[in-house]
């Protein structure tokens, strides 16, 4: 347990950052699920929109240092591969 003033402040900051990061990561995961579900439907317009949203969400998370930029790139590559696999 934090005993001094600065340690208590750091605890408050950590709690706030953890909640913010959890929210952003959850947003990325939900966008991924939506993109994969759209790929399974086969509707090209919906797929394009959902994949774009997923890529954007992953990039935003990377810009905020919630996930690594290479992880965001890997996420986008995997969704593109899944898309290519179903359309081929």
N, C-alpha and C. Protein backbone atom coordinates (compact mmCIF):
# COMPACT_ATOMS: atom_id res chain seq x y z
N UNK A 1 0.84 -1.19 0.00
CA UNK A 1 0.00 0.00 0.00
C UNK A 1 0.88 1.24 0.00
N UNK A 2 0.50 2.22 -0.79
CA UNK A 2 1.27 3.45 -0.88
C UNK A 2 1.20 4.23 0.43
N UNK A 3 2.34 4.73 0.85
CA UNK A 3 2.40 5.45 2.12
C UNK A 3 2.62 6.93 1.96
N UNK A 4 3.34 7.34 0.90
CA UNK A 4 3.59 8.77 0.77
C UNK A 4 2.74 9.36 -0.35
N UNK A 5 2.77 10.68 -0.42
CA UNK A 5 1.88 11.41 -1.32
C UNK A 5 2.14 11.06 -2.79
N UNK A 6 3.40 10.99 -3.17
CA UNK A 6 3.73 10.72 -4.57
C UNK A 6 3.34 9.29 -4.97
N UNK A 7 3.50 8.35 -4.05
CA UNK A 7 3.14 6.97 -4.35
C UNK A 7 1.63 6.83 -4.51
N UNK A 8 0.89 7.56 -3.70
CA UNK A 8 -0.58 7.53 -3.83
C UNK A 8 -1.01 8.12 -5.17
N UNK A 9 -0.34 9.19 -5.58
CA UNK A 9 -0.65 9.79 -6.87
C UNK A 9 -0.33 8.81 -8.01
N UNK A 10 0.79 8.15 -7.93
CA UNK A 10 1.16 7.17 -8.96
C UNK A 10 0.12 6.05 -9.03
N UNK A 11 -0.39 5.63 -7.89
CA UNK A 11 -1.44 4.61 -7.88
C UNK A 11 -2.69 5.10 -8.59
N UNK A 12 -3.09 6.34 -8.32
CA UNK A 12 -4.26 6.92 -8.99
C UNK A 12 -4.03 6.99 -10.50
N UNK A 13 -2.84 7.40 -10.90
CA UNK A 13 -2.53 7.49 -12.33
C UNK A 13 -2.56 6.12 -12.99
N UNK A 14 -2.02 5.14 -12.30
CA UNK A 14 -1.99 3.79 -12.84
C UNK A 14 -3.40 3.24 -13.03
N UNK A 15 -4.26 3.49 -12.08
CA UNK A 15 -5.65 3.02 -12.18
C UNK A 15 -6.33 3.67 -13.38
N UNK A 16 -6.13 4.97 -13.55
CA UNK A 16 -6.75 5.68 -14.67
C UNK A 16 -6.21 5.18 -16.01
N UNK A 17 -4.90 5.01 -16.09
CA UNK A 17 -4.29 4.54 -17.34
C UNK A 17 -4.72 3.11 -17.67
N UNK A 18 -4.79 2.28 -16.65
CA UNK A 18 -5.19 0.88 -16.87
C UNK A 18 -6.60 0.82 -17.42
N UNK A 19 -7.49 1.62 -16.86
CA UNK A 19 -8.88 1.64 -17.34
C UNK A 19 -8.94 2.13 -18.78
N UNK A 20 -8.17 3.18 -19.09
CA UNK A 20 -8.16 3.73 -20.44
C UNK A 20 -7.61 2.71 -21.43
N UNK A 21 -6.50 2.07 -21.07
CA UNK A 21 -5.88 1.09 -21.97
C UNK A 21 -6.78 -0.12 -22.17
N UNK A 22 -7.45 -0.54 -21.12
CA UNK A 22 -8.36 -1.68 -21.22
C UNK A 22 -9.50 -1.36 -22.19
N UNK A 23 -10.01 -0.14 -22.12
CA UNK A 23 -11.07 0.29 -23.01
C UNK A 23 -10.61 0.28 -24.47
N UNK A 24 -9.41 0.78 -24.70
CA UNK A 24 -8.89 0.83 -26.07
C UNK A 24 -8.64 -0.57 -26.61
N UNK A 25 -8.06 -1.44 -25.79
CA UNK A 25 -7.82 -2.82 -26.22
C UNK A 25 -9.13 -3.54 -26.51
N UNK A 26 -10.13 -3.28 -25.69
CA UNK A 26 -11.44 -3.89 -25.90
C UNK A 26 -12.04 -3.43 -27.22
N UNK A 27 -11.86 -2.14 -27.53
CA UNK A 27 -12.36 -1.59 -28.78
C UNK A 27 -11.71 -2.29 -29.97
N UNK A 28 -10.40 -2.56 -29.87
CA UNK A 28 -9.68 -3.26 -30.94
C UNK A 28 -10.22 -4.68 -31.10
N UNK A 29 -10.41 -5.36 -29.99
CA UNK A 29 -10.92 -6.74 -30.04
C UNK A 29 -12.31 -6.80 -30.64
N UNK A 30 -13.17 -5.85 -30.26
CA UNK A 30 -14.53 -5.83 -30.80
C UNK A 30 -14.54 -5.53 -32.30
N UNK A 31 -13.63 -4.64 -32.72
CA UNK A 31 -13.53 -4.33 -34.15
C UNK A 31 -13.05 -5.55 -34.92
N UNK A 32 -12.14 -6.32 -34.31
CA UNK A 32 -11.64 -7.54 -34.94
C UNK A 32 -12.77 -8.55 -35.11
N UNK A 33 -13.56 -8.73 -34.06
CA UNK A 33 -14.67 -9.68 -34.13
C UNK A 33 -15.67 -9.26 -35.20
N UNK A 34 -15.94 -7.97 -35.28
CA UNK A 34 -16.88 -7.47 -36.29
C UNK A 34 -16.33 -7.67 -37.70
N UNK A 35 -15.04 -7.46 -37.88
CA UNK A 35 -14.42 -7.65 -39.20
C UNK A 35 -14.46 -9.11 -39.62
N UNK A 36 -14.14 -9.99 -38.69
CA UNK A 36 -14.18 -11.43 -39.01
C UNK A 36 -15.60 -11.90 -39.31
N UNK A 37 -16.55 -11.39 -38.56
CA UNK A 37 -17.95 -11.75 -38.82
C UNK A 37 -18.39 -11.24 -40.18
N UNK A 38 -17.94 -10.04 -40.55
CA UNK A 38 -18.29 -9.49 -41.86
C UNK A 38 -17.69 -10.31 -42.98
N UNK A 39 -16.46 -10.79 -42.77
CA UNK A 39 -15.81 -11.62 -43.79
C UNK A 39 -16.61 -12.90 -44.02
N UNK A 40 -17.15 -13.45 -42.95
CA UNK A 40 -17.94 -14.68 -43.08
C UNK A 40 -19.26 -14.45 -43.82
N UNK A 41 -19.81 -13.23 -43.73
CA UNK A 41 -21.06 -12.96 -44.41
C UNK A 41 -20.88 -12.90 -45.92
N UNK A 42 -19.74 -12.33 -46.36
CA UNK A 42 -19.47 -12.27 -47.79
C UNK A 42 -19.95 -11.01 -48.48
N UNK A 43 -20.58 -10.09 -47.76
CA UNK A 43 -21.05 -8.84 -48.34
C UNK A 43 -19.86 -7.88 -48.47
N UNK A 44 -19.46 -7.58 -49.70
CA UNK A 44 -18.23 -6.82 -49.93
C UNK A 44 -18.26 -5.42 -49.33
N UNK A 45 -19.40 -4.75 -49.39
CA UNK A 45 -19.49 -3.40 -48.85
C UNK A 45 -19.30 -3.40 -47.33
N UNK A 46 -19.94 -4.35 -46.67
CA UNK A 46 -19.83 -4.45 -45.21
C UNK A 46 -18.41 -4.85 -44.82
N UNK A 47 -17.83 -5.78 -45.59
CA UNK A 47 -16.46 -6.23 -45.31
C UNK A 47 -15.50 -5.05 -45.38
N UNK A 48 -15.60 -4.28 -46.45
CA UNK A 48 -14.68 -3.15 -46.63
C UNK A 48 -14.80 -2.16 -45.47
N UNK A 49 -16.01 -1.89 -45.04
CA UNK A 49 -16.22 -0.95 -43.95
C UNK A 49 -15.66 -1.48 -42.64
N UNK A 50 -15.96 -2.73 -42.33
CA UNK A 50 -15.53 -3.30 -41.04
C UNK A 50 -14.02 -3.48 -40.98
N UNK A 51 -13.41 -3.89 -42.09
CA UNK A 51 -11.95 -4.06 -42.11
C UNK A 51 -11.27 -2.70 -41.98
N UNK A 52 -11.82 -1.68 -42.62
CA UNK A 52 -11.25 -0.33 -42.49
C UNK A 52 -11.36 0.16 -41.05
N UNK A 53 -12.48 -0.09 -40.41
CA UNK A 53 -12.66 0.31 -39.01
C UNK A 53 -11.65 -0.42 -38.12
N UNK A 54 -11.45 -1.70 -38.40
CA UNK A 54 -10.51 -2.49 -37.61
C UNK A 54 -9.08 -1.96 -37.77
N UNK A 55 -8.69 -1.68 -39.00
CA UNK A 55 -7.35 -1.16 -39.25
C UNK A 55 -7.16 0.19 -38.56
N UNK A 56 -8.16 1.04 -38.66
CA UNK A 56 -8.09 2.35 -38.03
C UNK A 56 -7.99 2.23 -36.51
N UNK A 57 -8.79 1.35 -35.94
CA UNK A 57 -8.79 1.17 -34.49
C UNK A 57 -7.44 0.64 -34.01
N UNK A 58 -6.88 -0.30 -34.75
CA UNK A 58 -5.57 -0.85 -34.38
C UNK A 58 -4.49 0.22 -34.47
N UNK A 59 -4.54 1.04 -35.52
CA UNK A 59 -3.55 2.11 -35.67
C UNK A 59 -3.67 3.15 -34.56
N UNK A 60 -4.91 3.47 -34.19
CA UNK A 60 -5.11 4.44 -33.10
C UNK A 60 -4.55 3.91 -31.79
N UNK A 61 -4.76 2.62 -31.53
CA UNK A 61 -4.23 2.01 -30.31
C UNK A 61 -2.71 2.04 -30.33
N UNK A 62 -2.12 1.81 -31.50
CA UNK A 62 -0.66 1.85 -31.61
C UNK A 62 -0.13 3.26 -31.41
N UNK A 63 -0.83 4.26 -31.95
CA UNK A 63 -0.41 5.64 -31.79
C UNK A 63 -0.46 6.09 -30.33
N UNK A 64 -1.37 5.49 -29.57
CA UNK A 64 -1.50 5.83 -28.14
C UNK A 64 -0.62 4.94 -27.27
N UNK A 65 0.21 4.11 -27.92
CA UNK A 65 1.14 3.20 -27.23
C UNK A 65 0.44 2.19 -26.34
N UNK A 66 -0.79 1.84 -26.69
CA UNK A 66 -1.50 0.80 -25.95
C UNK A 66 -1.04 -0.56 -26.46
N UNK A 67 -0.87 -0.65 -27.78
CA UNK A 67 -0.27 -1.84 -28.39
C UNK A 67 0.93 -1.38 -29.20
N UNK A 68 1.84 -2.28 -29.47
CA UNK A 68 3.03 -1.95 -30.25
C UNK A 68 2.65 -1.73 -31.71
N UNK A 69 3.38 -0.86 -32.39
CA UNK A 69 3.05 -0.57 -33.79
C UNK A 69 3.19 -1.81 -34.67
N UNK A 70 4.14 -2.68 -34.35
CA UNK A 70 4.29 -3.92 -35.13
C UNK A 70 3.13 -4.87 -34.86
N UNK A 71 2.58 -4.82 -33.66
CA UNK A 71 1.42 -5.65 -33.35
C UNK A 71 0.22 -5.18 -34.16
N UNK A 72 0.06 -3.87 -34.28
CA UNK A 72 -1.04 -3.33 -35.09
C UNK A 72 -0.87 -3.75 -36.54
N UNK A 73 0.35 -3.69 -37.02
CA UNK A 73 0.64 -4.09 -38.40
C UNK A 73 0.34 -5.58 -38.59
N UNK A 74 0.70 -6.38 -37.61
CA UNK A 74 0.43 -7.82 -37.67
C UNK A 74 -1.07 -8.09 -37.67
N UNK A 75 -1.83 -7.36 -36.86
CA UNK A 75 -3.28 -7.53 -36.83
C UNK A 75 -3.87 -7.27 -38.20
N UNK A 76 -3.42 -6.17 -38.83
CA UNK A 76 -3.95 -5.79 -40.14
C UNK A 76 -3.56 -6.82 -41.20
N UNK A 77 -2.35 -7.34 -41.10
CA UNK A 77 -1.90 -8.35 -42.07
C UNK A 77 -2.72 -9.62 -41.93
N UNK A 78 -3.02 -10.01 -40.72
CA UNK A 78 -3.79 -11.23 -40.50
C UNK A 78 -5.22 -11.10 -41.02
N UNK A 79 -5.82 -9.94 -40.82
CA UNK A 79 -7.19 -9.75 -41.30
C UNK A 79 -7.19 -9.70 -42.82
N UNK A 80 -6.14 -9.12 -43.41
CA UNK A 80 -6.03 -9.08 -44.87
C UNK A 80 -5.84 -10.48 -45.43
N UNK A 81 -5.07 -11.30 -44.73
CA UNK A 81 -4.87 -12.69 -45.16
C UNK A 81 -6.17 -13.47 -45.07
N UNK A 82 -6.92 -13.25 -44.01
CA UNK A 82 -8.21 -13.93 -43.85
C UNK A 82 -9.17 -13.51 -44.95
N UNK A 83 -9.14 -12.24 -45.29
CA UNK A 83 -9.98 -11.72 -46.36
C UNK A 83 -9.59 -12.33 -47.71
N UNK A 84 -8.29 -12.39 -47.97
CA UNK A 84 -7.80 -12.96 -49.23
C UNK A 84 -8.14 -14.45 -49.33
N UNK A 85 -8.07 -15.12 -48.20
CA UNK A 85 -8.34 -16.56 -48.16
C UNK A 85 -9.81 -16.85 -48.52
N UNK A 86 -10.70 -16.02 -48.06
CA UNK A 86 -12.13 -16.26 -48.31
C UNK A 86 -12.55 -15.83 -49.72
N UNK A 87 -11.89 -14.80 -50.25
CA UNK A 87 -12.26 -14.31 -51.58
C UNK A 87 -11.58 -15.10 -52.69
N UNK A 88 -10.51 -15.79 -52.39
CA UNK A 88 -9.77 -16.55 -53.40
C UNK A 88 -10.44 -17.86 -53.75
